[in-house]
Amino acid sequence: MPQTFLEWTEMLSYVVTIFGLPLAIYVFMIEQHKERQAEEEAIHQRLSDEYNSFLRLVIDNADLQLLSREGLRAEVSAEQRERKHAIFGILVALFERAYILVYEENMDLQRRRLWQSWEDYMRDWCKQPDFRAALPELLEGEDLEFARYFFSLAGLNAERASS
């Protein structure tokens, strides 16, 4: 048993080294994990907010019938075609941003859950005939991996993604 102040401080330094250092490392790792998770949730929230803004744009342009499974039934003007193409371009850019920020080949469960909602949105939009028909042009010049992924998701020929 330590008898002097110096011996006591030396013994306490050993206790701190043996127990305190591993505990500090553990706490640091837990905090890092929480921080990464919070960053991923913030990214998902920002992307969700952007998608909600996009849906407001769709509602503001209801005359284009963008949510109709049949597409526009009446003859469209050049201005309507241009607006529709621009809106589809915004949507593809949003999907690409989500792909780049969220998608990974080997995702953990949390990231997979976040990505699944984006994949659902993409699949749903691919059911729109007008959007599906515009995809090859919309994906020109986009990230090659994203274009391949989206073509595959849409069931289109992936060869278009490499041109």
N, C-alpha and C. Protein backbone atom coordinates (compact mmCIF):
# COMPACT_ATOMS: atom_id res chain seq x y z
N MET A 1 0.84 -1.17 0.00
CA MET A 1 0.00 0.00 0.00
C MET A 1 0.89 1.24 0.00
N PRO A 2 0.48 2.22 -0.80
CA PRO A 2 1.27 3.44 -0.86
C PRO A 2 1.24 4.17 0.48
N GLN A 3 2.39 4.77 0.80
CA GLN A 3 2.48 5.47 2.09
C GLN A 3 2.73 6.96 1.92
N THR A 4 3.32 7.34 0.83
CA THR A 4 3.61 8.76 0.65
C THR A 4 2.69 9.34 -0.41
N PHE A 5 2.65 10.64 -0.40
CA PHE A 5 1.83 11.34 -1.40
C PHE A 5 2.28 10.98 -2.81
N LEU A 6 3.55 10.90 -3.03
CA LEU A 6 4.09 10.56 -4.35
C LEU A 6 3.64 9.16 -4.77
N GLU A 7 3.68 8.23 -3.85
CA GLU A 7 3.23 6.87 -4.15
C GLU A 7 1.74 6.84 -4.47
N TRP A 8 0.96 7.63 -3.73
CA TRP A 8 -0.48 7.70 -4.00
C TRP A 8 -0.75 8.27 -5.40
N THR A 9 -0.09 9.32 -5.74
CA THR A 9 -0.31 9.92 -7.08
C THR A 9 0.15 8.97 -8.18
N GLU A 10 1.23 8.25 -7.93
CA GLU A 10 1.69 7.29 -8.92
C GLU A 10 0.66 6.17 -9.09
N MET A 11 0.13 5.68 -7.99
CA MET A 11 -0.88 4.63 -8.06
C MET A 11 -2.14 5.14 -8.79
N LEU A 12 -2.57 6.36 -8.50
CA LEU A 12 -3.73 6.94 -9.17
C LEU A 12 -3.49 7.12 -10.67
N SER A 13 -2.26 7.46 -11.04
CA SER A 13 -1.96 7.60 -12.47
C SER A 13 -2.09 6.25 -13.17
N TYR A 14 -1.70 5.17 -12.48
CA TYR A 14 -1.87 3.82 -13.05
C TYR A 14 -3.35 3.47 -13.20
N VAL A 15 -4.12 3.81 -12.19
CA VAL A 15 -5.57 3.54 -12.25
C VAL A 15 -6.20 4.31 -13.41
N VAL A 16 -5.82 5.56 -13.55
CA VAL A 16 -6.35 6.38 -14.65
C VAL A 16 -5.93 5.78 -15.99
N THR A 17 -4.68 5.35 -16.09
CA THR A 17 -4.19 4.77 -17.35
C THR A 17 -4.93 3.48 -17.66
N ILE A 18 -5.12 2.64 -16.67
CA ILE A 18 -5.74 1.33 -16.90
C ILE A 18 -7.23 1.46 -17.20
N PHE A 19 -7.93 2.32 -16.47
CA PHE A 19 -9.38 2.41 -16.63
C PHE A 19 -9.83 3.65 -17.40
N GLY A 20 -9.19 4.75 -17.15
CA GLY A 20 -9.62 6.01 -17.74
C GLY A 20 -9.37 6.11 -19.23
N LEU A 21 -8.21 5.68 -19.67
CA LEU A 21 -7.88 5.78 -21.10
C LEU A 21 -8.81 4.93 -21.96
N PRO A 22 -9.03 3.65 -21.63
CA PRO A 22 -9.99 2.87 -22.43
C PRO A 22 -11.40 3.46 -22.38
N LEU A 23 -11.79 3.97 -21.22
CA LEU A 23 -13.11 4.59 -21.11
C LEU A 23 -13.20 5.83 -21.99
N ALA A 24 -12.15 6.63 -22.00
CA ALA A 24 -12.14 7.84 -22.84
C ALA A 24 -12.21 7.46 -24.32
N ILE A 25 -11.49 6.43 -24.71
CA ILE A 25 -11.54 5.97 -26.10
C ILE A 25 -12.95 5.49 -26.45
N TYR A 26 -13.55 4.73 -25.56
CA TYR A 26 -14.91 4.23 -25.78
C TYR A 26 -15.90 5.38 -25.93
N VAL A 27 -15.82 6.34 -25.02
CA VAL A 27 -16.73 7.49 -25.08
C VAL A 27 -16.50 8.27 -26.38
N PHE A 28 -15.26 8.44 -26.79
CA PHE A 28 -14.94 9.14 -28.03
C PHE A 28 -15.56 8.41 -29.23
N MET A 29 -15.43 7.10 -29.26
CA MET A 29 -15.99 6.32 -30.37
C MET A 29 -17.51 6.41 -30.40
N ILE A 30 -18.15 6.37 -29.25
CA ILE A 30 -19.61 6.50 -29.18
C ILE A 30 -20.03 7.88 -29.70
N GLU A 31 -19.33 8.91 -29.28
CA GLU A 31 -19.66 10.27 -29.73
C GLU A 31 -19.47 10.41 -31.24
N GLN A 32 -18.41 9.82 -31.77
CA GLN A 32 -18.17 9.87 -33.21
C GLN A 32 -19.31 9.18 -33.96
N HIS A 33 -19.74 8.04 -33.46
CA HIS A 33 -20.85 7.31 -34.09
C HIS A 33 -22.13 8.15 -34.07
N LYS A 34 -22.42 8.76 -32.92
CA LYS A 34 -23.61 9.62 -32.81
C LYS A 34 -23.53 10.80 -33.77
N GLU A 35 -22.34 11.36 -33.90
CA GLU A 35 -22.14 12.51 -34.79
C GLU A 35 -22.37 12.10 -36.25
N ARG A 36 -21.81 10.96 -36.65
CA ARG A 36 -22.01 10.47 -38.02
C ARG A 36 -23.48 10.21 -38.28
N GLN A 37 -24.17 9.61 -37.32
CA GLN A 37 -25.58 9.32 -37.47
C GLN A 37 -26.38 10.62 -37.59
N ALA A 38 -26.05 11.61 -36.79
CA ALA A 38 -26.74 12.90 -36.87
C ALA A 38 -26.50 13.58 -38.22
N GLU A 39 -25.27 13.48 -38.74
CA GLU A 39 -24.97 14.04 -40.06
C GLU A 39 -25.78 13.34 -41.15
N GLU A 40 -25.89 12.01 -41.09
CA GLU A 40 -26.68 11.28 -42.07
C GLU A 40 -28.15 11.66 -41.99
N GLU A 41 -28.66 11.81 -40.78
CA GLU A 41 -30.05 12.22 -40.61
C GLU A 41 -30.27 13.64 -41.13
N ALA A 42 -29.29 14.52 -40.94
CA ALA A 42 -29.40 15.89 -41.44
C ALA A 42 -29.40 15.89 -42.97
N ILE A 43 -28.56 15.08 -43.57
CA ILE A 43 -28.54 14.97 -45.03
C ILE A 43 -29.89 14.47 -45.53
N HIS A 44 -30.40 13.43 -44.89
CA HIS A 44 -31.70 12.89 -45.29
C HIS A 44 -32.80 13.94 -45.14
N GLN A 45 -32.76 14.70 -44.06
CA GLN A 45 -33.77 15.73 -43.84
C GLN A 45 -33.70 16.82 -44.90
N ARG A 46 -32.47 17.25 -45.23
CA ARG A 46 -32.32 18.28 -46.29
C ARG A 46 -32.84 17.75 -47.62
N LEU A 47 -32.50 16.51 -47.95
CA LEU A 47 -32.99 15.93 -49.21
C LEU A 47 -34.51 15.80 -49.19
N SER A 48 -35.07 15.40 -48.07
CA SER A 48 -36.54 15.29 -47.96
C SER A 48 -37.20 16.65 -48.12
N ASP A 49 -36.60 17.67 -47.54
CA ASP A 49 -37.12 19.02 -47.70
C ASP A 49 -37.08 19.46 -49.17
N GLU A 50 -36.00 19.12 -49.84
CA GLU A 50 -35.90 19.45 -51.27
C GLU A 50 -36.95 18.69 -52.08
N TYR A 51 -37.20 17.45 -51.73
CA TYR A 51 -38.22 16.68 -52.46
C TYR A 51 -39.61 17.28 -52.20
N ASN A 52 -39.87 17.70 -50.97
CA ASN A 52 -41.14 18.36 -50.66
C ASN A 52 -41.29 19.66 -51.46
N SER A 53 -40.21 20.41 -51.59
CA SER A 53 -40.24 21.63 -52.42
C SER A 53 -40.52 21.27 -53.87
N PHE A 54 -39.92 20.18 -54.32
CA PHE A 54 -40.17 19.72 -55.69
C PHE A 54 -41.66 19.39 -55.88
N LEU A 55 -42.24 18.70 -54.89
CA LEU A 55 -43.67 18.36 -55.01
C LEU A 55 -44.54 19.61 -55.03
N ARG A 56 -44.12 20.66 -54.31
CA ARG A 56 -44.86 21.92 -54.39
C ARG A 56 -44.78 22.51 -55.80
N LEU A 57 -43.61 22.36 -56.42
CA LEU A 57 -43.44 22.80 -57.81
C LEU A 57 -44.37 22.01 -58.73
N VAL A 58 -44.50 20.72 -58.49
CA VAL A 58 -45.41 19.88 -59.28
C VAL A 58 -46.85 20.36 -59.11
N ILE A 59 -47.23 20.66 -57.88
CA ILE A 59 -48.58 21.15 -57.62
C ILE A 59 -48.81 22.50 -58.28
N ASP A 60 -47.80 23.37 -58.23
CA ASP A 60 -47.91 24.69 -58.86
C ASP A 60 -48.05 24.59 -60.38
N ASN A 61 -47.62 23.46 -60.93
CA ASN A 61 -47.72 23.24 -62.38
C ASN A 61 -48.69 22.10 -62.68
N ALA A 62 -49.83 22.13 -62.01
CA ALA A 62 -50.83 21.06 -62.14
C ALA A 62 -51.31 20.87 -63.57
N ASP A 63 -51.25 21.93 -64.38
CA ASP A 63 -51.69 21.81 -65.76
C ASP A 63 -50.86 20.80 -66.55
N LEU A 64 -49.67 20.46 -66.06
CA LEU A 64 -48.80 19.51 -66.75
C LEU A 64 -49.13 18.06 -66.41
N GLN A 65 -50.01 17.87 -65.44
CA GLN A 65 -50.44 16.54 -65.00
C GLN A 65 -49.25 15.60 -64.77
N LEU A 66 -48.27 16.08 -64.04
CA LEU A 66 -47.05 15.32 -63.82
C LEU A 66 -47.26 14.06 -63.00
N LEU A 67 -48.28 14.03 -62.18
CA LEU A 67 -48.53 12.86 -61.34
C LEU A 67 -49.50 11.87 -61.98
N SER A 68 -49.98 12.18 -63.16
CA SER A 68 -50.92 11.30 -63.85
C SER A 68 -50.17 10.12 -64.46
N ARG A 69 -50.68 8.93 -64.25
CA ARG A 69 -50.05 7.72 -64.81
C ARG A 69 -50.20 7.66 -66.34
N GLU A 70 -51.15 8.40 -66.86
CA GLU A 70 -51.37 8.40 -68.31
C GLU A 70 -50.62 9.51 -69.02
N GLY A 71 -50.04 10.44 -68.29
CA GLY A 71 -49.39 11.58 -68.91
C GLY A 71 -50.42 12.59 -69.36
N LEU A 72 -49.98 13.58 -70.10
CA LEU A 72 -50.92 14.60 -70.59
C LEU A 72 -51.84 13.98 -71.63
N ARG A 73 -53.13 14.24 -71.45
CA ARG A 73 -54.12 13.68 -72.38
C ARG A 73 -54.39 14.64 -73.54
N ALA A 74 -54.28 15.90 -73.28
CA ALA A 74 -54.57 16.90 -74.32
C ALA A 74 -53.26 17.31 -75.01
N GLU A 75 -53.43 18.00 -76.11
CA GLU A 75 -52.27 18.53 -76.84
C GLU A 75 -51.55 19.54 -75.95
N VAL A 76 -50.22 19.49 -75.96
CA VAL A 76 -49.45 20.38 -75.10
C VAL A 76 -48.75 21.43 -75.95
N SER A 77 -48.58 22.58 -75.33
CA SER A 77 -47.89 23.67 -76.02
C SER A 77 -46.38 23.50 -75.86
N ALA A 78 -45.63 24.24 -76.62
CA ALA A 78 -44.17 24.19 -76.53
C ALA A 78 -43.73 24.66 -75.14
N GLU A 79 -44.44 25.64 -74.61
CA GLU A 79 -44.11 26.15 -73.27
C GLU A 79 -44.34 25.08 -72.21
N GLN A 80 -45.43 24.32 -72.34
CA GLN A 80 -45.71 23.25 -71.38
C GLN A 80 -44.66 22.13 -71.49
N ARG A 81 -44.28 21.78 -72.71
CA ARG A 81 -43.25 20.76 -72.90
C ARG A 81 -41.94 21.20 -72.26
N GLU A 82 -41.60 22.46 -72.44
CA GLU A 82 -40.36 22.99 -71.86
C GLU A 82 -40.42 22.99 -70.33
N ARG A 83 -41.54 23.41 -69.77
CA ARG A 83 -41.68 23.39 -68.31
C ARG A 83 -41.59 21.97 -67.77
N LYS A 84 -42.25 21.06 -68.45
CA LYS A 84 -42.24 19.66 -68.02
C LYS A 84 -40.82 19.10 -68.06
N HIS A 85 -40.11 19.38 -69.11
CA HIS A 85 -38.73 18.89 -69.24
C HIS A 85 -37.85 19.51 -68.15
N ALA A 86 -38.03 20.78 -67.86
CA ALA A 86 -37.24 21.44 -66.82
C ALA A 86 -37.55 20.84 -65.45
N ILE A 87 -38.81 20.58 -65.18
CA ILE A 87 -39.20 20.00 -63.90
C ILE A 87 -38.63 18.59 -63.77
N PHE A 88 -38.67 17.82 -64.84
CA PHE A 88 -38.07 16.48 -64.81
C PHE A 88 -36.56 16.59 -64.59
N GLY A 89 -35.93 17.60 -65.16
CA GLY A 89 -34.50 17.81 -64.96
C GLY A 89 -34.18 18.10 -63.49
N ILE A 90 -35.03 18.90 -62.86
CA ILE A 90 -34.86 19.19 -61.43
C ILE A 90 -34.98 17.90 -60.63
N LEU A 91 -35.94 17.07 -60.98
CA LEU A 91 -36.15 15.81 -60.27
C LEU A 91 -34.96 14.88 -60.42
N VAL A 92 -34.43 14.75 -61.63
CA VAL A 92 -33.27 13.89 -61.84
C VAL A 92 -32.06 14.42 -61.06
N ALA A 93 -31.88 15.73 -61.04
CA ALA A 93 -30.78 16.31 -60.27
C ALA A 93 -30.93 16.01 -58.78
N LEU A 94 -32.15 16.06 -58.28
CA LEU A 94 -32.40 15.73 -56.88
C LEU A 94 -32.10 14.25 -56.61
N PHE A 95 -32.55 13.38 -57.51
CA PHE A 95 -32.27 11.95 -57.35
C PHE A 95 -30.76 11.68 -57.41
N GLU A 96 -30.06 12.38 -58.29
CA GLU A 96 -28.62 12.18 -58.38
C GLU A 96 -27.94 12.63 -57.09
N ARG A 97 -28.36 13.75 -56.55
CA ARG A 97 -27.78 14.24 -55.30
C ARG A 97 -28.02 13.22 -54.18
N ALA A 98 -29.23 12.67 -54.12
CA ALA A 98 -29.53 11.65 -53.10
C ALA A 98 -28.64 10.42 -53.31
N TYR A 99 -28.46 10.03 -54.55
CA TYR A 99 -27.62 8.86 -54.85
C TYR A 99 -26.19 9.09 -54.39
N ILE A 100 -25.66 10.24 -54.72
CA ILE A 100 -24.26 10.54 -54.37
C ILE A 100 -24.08 10.65 -52.86
N LEU A 101 -25.04 11.25 -52.16
CA LEU A 101 -24.90 11.47 -50.73
C LEU A 101 -25.28 10.27 -49.86
N VAL A 102 -26.17 9.42 -50.35
CA VAL A 102 -26.70 8.36 -49.50
C VAL A 102 -26.30 6.96 -49.96
N TYR A 103 -26.30 6.71 -51.25
CA TYR A 103 -26.13 5.34 -51.74
C TYR A 103 -24.71 4.83 -51.57
N GLU A 104 -24.60 3.60 -51.13
CA GLU A 104 -23.34 2.85 -51.07
C GLU A 104 -23.66 1.40 -51.41
N GLU A 105 -22.68 0.69 -51.94
CA GLU A 105 -22.89 -0.72 -52.24
C GLU A 105 -23.25 -1.51 -50.99
N ASN A 106 -22.45 -1.37 -49.94
CA ASN A 106 -22.65 -2.11 -48.70
C ASN A 106 -23.09 -1.15 -47.61
N MET A 107 -24.40 -0.93 -47.52
CA MET A 107 -24.94 0.03 -46.55
C MET A 107 -25.29 -0.67 -45.26
N ASP A 108 -25.13 0.06 -44.15
CA ASP A 108 -25.62 -0.48 -42.89
C ASP A 108 -27.15 -0.33 -42.88
N LEU A 109 -27.78 -0.90 -41.88
CA LEU A 109 -29.24 -0.93 -41.83
C LEU A 109 -29.86 0.47 -41.87
N GLN A 110 -29.31 1.39 -41.11
CA GLN A 110 -29.85 2.76 -41.06
C GLN A 110 -29.76 3.43 -42.43
N ARG A 111 -28.61 3.35 -43.07
CA ARG A 111 -28.42 3.98 -44.38
C ARG A 111 -29.32 3.29 -45.41
N ARG A 112 -29.47 1.98 -45.32
CA ARG A 112 -30.34 1.24 -46.24
C ARG A 112 -31.78 1.74 -46.12
N ARG A 113 -32.21 1.99 -44.88
CA ARG A 113 -33.57 2.50 -44.67
C ARG A 113 -33.73 3.88 -45.31
N LEU A 114 -32.72 4.75 -45.14
CA LEU A 114 -32.78 6.08 -45.74
C LEU A 114 -32.81 5.98 -47.26
N TRP A 115 -31.98 5.10 -47.81
CA TRP A 115 -31.91 4.97 -49.26
C TRP A 115 -33.19 4.38 -49.84
N GLN A 116 -33.82 3.45 -49.11
CA GLN A 116 -35.00 2.77 -49.62
C GLN A 116 -36.11 3.75 -49.98
N SER A 117 -36.26 4.81 -49.20
CA SER A 117 -37.30 5.79 -49.52
C SER A 117 -37.00 6.48 -50.85
N TRP A 118 -35.71 6.77 -51.11
CA TRP A 118 -35.36 7.40 -52.39
C TRP A 118 -35.56 6.44 -53.55
N GLU A 119 -35.23 5.19 -53.34
CA GLU A 119 -35.45 4.20 -54.40
C GLU A 119 -36.95 4.07 -54.70
N ASP A 120 -37.77 4.13 -53.67
CA ASP A 120 -39.22 4.08 -53.87
C ASP A 120 -39.70 5.27 -54.70
N TYR A 121 -39.19 6.48 -54.39
CA TYR A 121 -39.55 7.66 -55.18
C TYR A 121 -39.15 7.46 -56.64
N MET A 122 -37.94 6.95 -56.86
CA MET A 122 -37.45 6.76 -58.23
C MET A 122 -38.31 5.75 -58.98
N ARG A 123 -38.60 4.64 -58.33
CA ARG A 123 -39.45 3.62 -58.97
C ARG A 123 -40.82 4.20 -59.32
N ASP A 124 -41.37 4.98 -58.39
CA ASP A 124 -42.68 5.55 -58.62
C ASP A 124 -42.67 6.49 -59.83
N TRP A 125 -41.65 7.34 -59.92
CA TRP A 125 -41.57 8.25 -61.06
C TRP A 125 -41.31 7.51 -62.36
N CYS A 126 -40.62 6.39 -62.29
CA CYS A 126 -40.37 5.61 -63.51
C CYS A 126 -41.65 5.01 -64.08
N LYS A 127 -42.70 4.98 -63.28
CA LYS A 127 -44.00 4.50 -63.77
C LYS A 127 -44.73 5.55 -64.60
N GLN A 128 -44.23 6.80 -64.53
CA GLN A 128 -44.82 7.88 -65.31
C GLN A 128 -44.30 7.78 -66.75
N PRO A 129 -45.18 7.56 -67.72
CA PRO A 129 -44.71 7.38 -69.11
C PRO A 129 -43.89 8.54 -69.65
N ASP A 130 -44.30 9.77 -69.37
CA ASP A 130 -43.57 10.93 -69.88
C ASP A 130 -42.17 11.03 -69.26
N PHE A 131 -42.08 10.77 -67.96
CA PHE A 131 -40.78 10.82 -67.29
C PHE A 131 -39.89 9.71 -67.81
N ARG A 132 -40.43 8.53 -67.92
CA ARG A 132 -39.67 7.38 -68.40
C ARG A 132 -39.14 7.61 -69.82
N ALA A 133 -39.97 8.20 -70.65
CA ALA A 133 -39.55 8.48 -72.03
C ALA A 133 -38.45 9.53 -72.08
N ALA A 134 -38.47 10.46 -71.13
CA ALA A 134 -37.47 11.54 -71.11
C ALA A 134 -36.16 11.13 -70.44
N LEU A 135 -36.15 10.00 -69.73
CA LEU A 135 -34.97 9.60 -68.96
C LEU A 135 -33.66 9.55 -69.75
N PRO A 136 -33.63 8.93 -70.93
CA PRO A 136 -32.34 8.89 -71.63
C PRO A 136 -31.72 10.27 -71.84
N GLU A 137 -32.53 11.22 -72.22
CA GLU A 137 -32.01 12.58 -72.41
C GLU A 137 -31.66 13.23 -71.07
N LEU A 138 -32.51 13.02 -70.07
CA LEU A 138 -32.28 13.63 -68.76
C LEU A 138 -31.02 13.11 -68.09
N LEU A 139 -30.65 11.87 -68.35
CA LEU A 139 -29.49 11.27 -67.70
C LEU A 139 -28.18 11.50 -68.46
N GLU A 140 -28.26 12.14 -69.63
CA GLU A 140 -27.04 12.47 -70.36
C GLU A 140 -26.21 13.44 -69.53
N GLY A 141 -24.93 13.12 -69.37
CA GLY A 141 -24.03 14.00 -68.65
C GLY A 141 -24.09 13.88 -67.14
N GLU A 142 -24.98 13.04 -66.63
CA GLU A 142 -25.05 12.85 -65.18
C GLU A 142 -23.97 11.86 -64.76
N ASP A 143 -23.78 11.72 -63.45
CA ASP A 143 -22.82 10.77 -62.91
C ASP A 143 -23.07 9.40 -63.54
N LEU A 144 -22.03 8.79 -64.07
CA LEU A 144 -22.18 7.53 -64.81
C LEU A 144 -22.74 6.41 -63.96
N GLU A 145 -22.27 6.27 -62.74
CA GLU A 145 -22.79 5.22 -61.85
C GLU A 145 -24.26 5.46 -61.53
N PHE A 146 -24.61 6.71 -61.30
CA PHE A 146 -26.01 7.04 -61.05
C PHE A 146 -26.87 6.72 -62.26
N ALA A 147 -26.39 7.10 -63.45
CA ALA A 147 -27.15 6.84 -64.67
C ALA A 147 -27.37 5.34 -64.86
N ARG A 148 -26.33 4.56 -64.66
CA ARG A 148 -26.48 3.09 -64.78
C ARG A 148 -27.49 2.56 -63.77
N TYR A 149 -27.38 3.04 -62.55
CA TYR A 149 -28.30 2.60 -61.50
C TYR A 149 -29.74 2.95 -61.87
N PHE A 150 -29.95 4.18 -62.33
CA PHE A 150 -31.30 4.64 -62.64
C PHE A 150 -31.86 3.90 -63.86
N PHE A 151 -31.04 3.70 -64.88
CA PHE A 151 -31.51 2.93 -66.04
C PHE A 151 -31.92 1.53 -65.61
N SER A 152 -31.13 0.92 -64.76
CA SER A 152 -31.44 -0.42 -64.26
C SER A 152 -32.74 -0.41 -63.48
N LEU A 153 -32.90 0.57 -62.61
CA LEU A 153 -34.10 0.70 -61.81
C LEU A 153 -35.34 0.89 -62.70
N ALA A 154 -35.17 1.64 -63.77
CA ALA A 154 -36.28 1.92 -64.68
C ALA A 154 -36.52 0.77 -65.65
N GLY A 155 -35.62 -0.21 -65.67
CA GLY A 155 -35.76 -1.33 -66.59
C GLY A 155 -35.42 -0.96 -68.02
N LEU A 156 -34.61 0.08 -68.17
CA LEU A 156 -34.20 0.52 -69.51
C LEU A 156 -32.84 -0.04 -69.83
N ASN A 157 -32.44 0.05 -71.08
CA ASN A 157 -31.16 -0.45 -71.53
C ASN A 157 -30.03 0.36 -70.91
N ALA A 158 -29.21 -0.29 -70.11
CA ALA A 158 -28.11 0.39 -69.41
C ALA A 158 -27.02 0.85 -70.36
N GLU A 159 -26.99 0.36 -71.58
CA GLU A 159 -25.97 0.78 -72.55
C GLU A 159 -26.06 2.28 -72.79
N ARG A 160 -27.24 2.83 -72.64
CA ARG A 160 -27.41 4.28 -72.84
C ARG A 160 -26.61 5.09 -71.84
N ALA A 161 -26.36 4.50 -70.68
CA ALA A 161 -25.65 5.22 -69.61
C ALA A 161 -24.19 5.44 -69.95
N SER A 162 -23.62 4.62 -70.81
CA SER A 162 -22.19 4.75 -71.11
C SER A 162 -21.93 5.68 -72.27
N SER A 163 -22.96 6.16 -72.92
CA SER A 163 -22.75 7.07 -74.07
C SER A 163 -22.79 8.50 -73.64
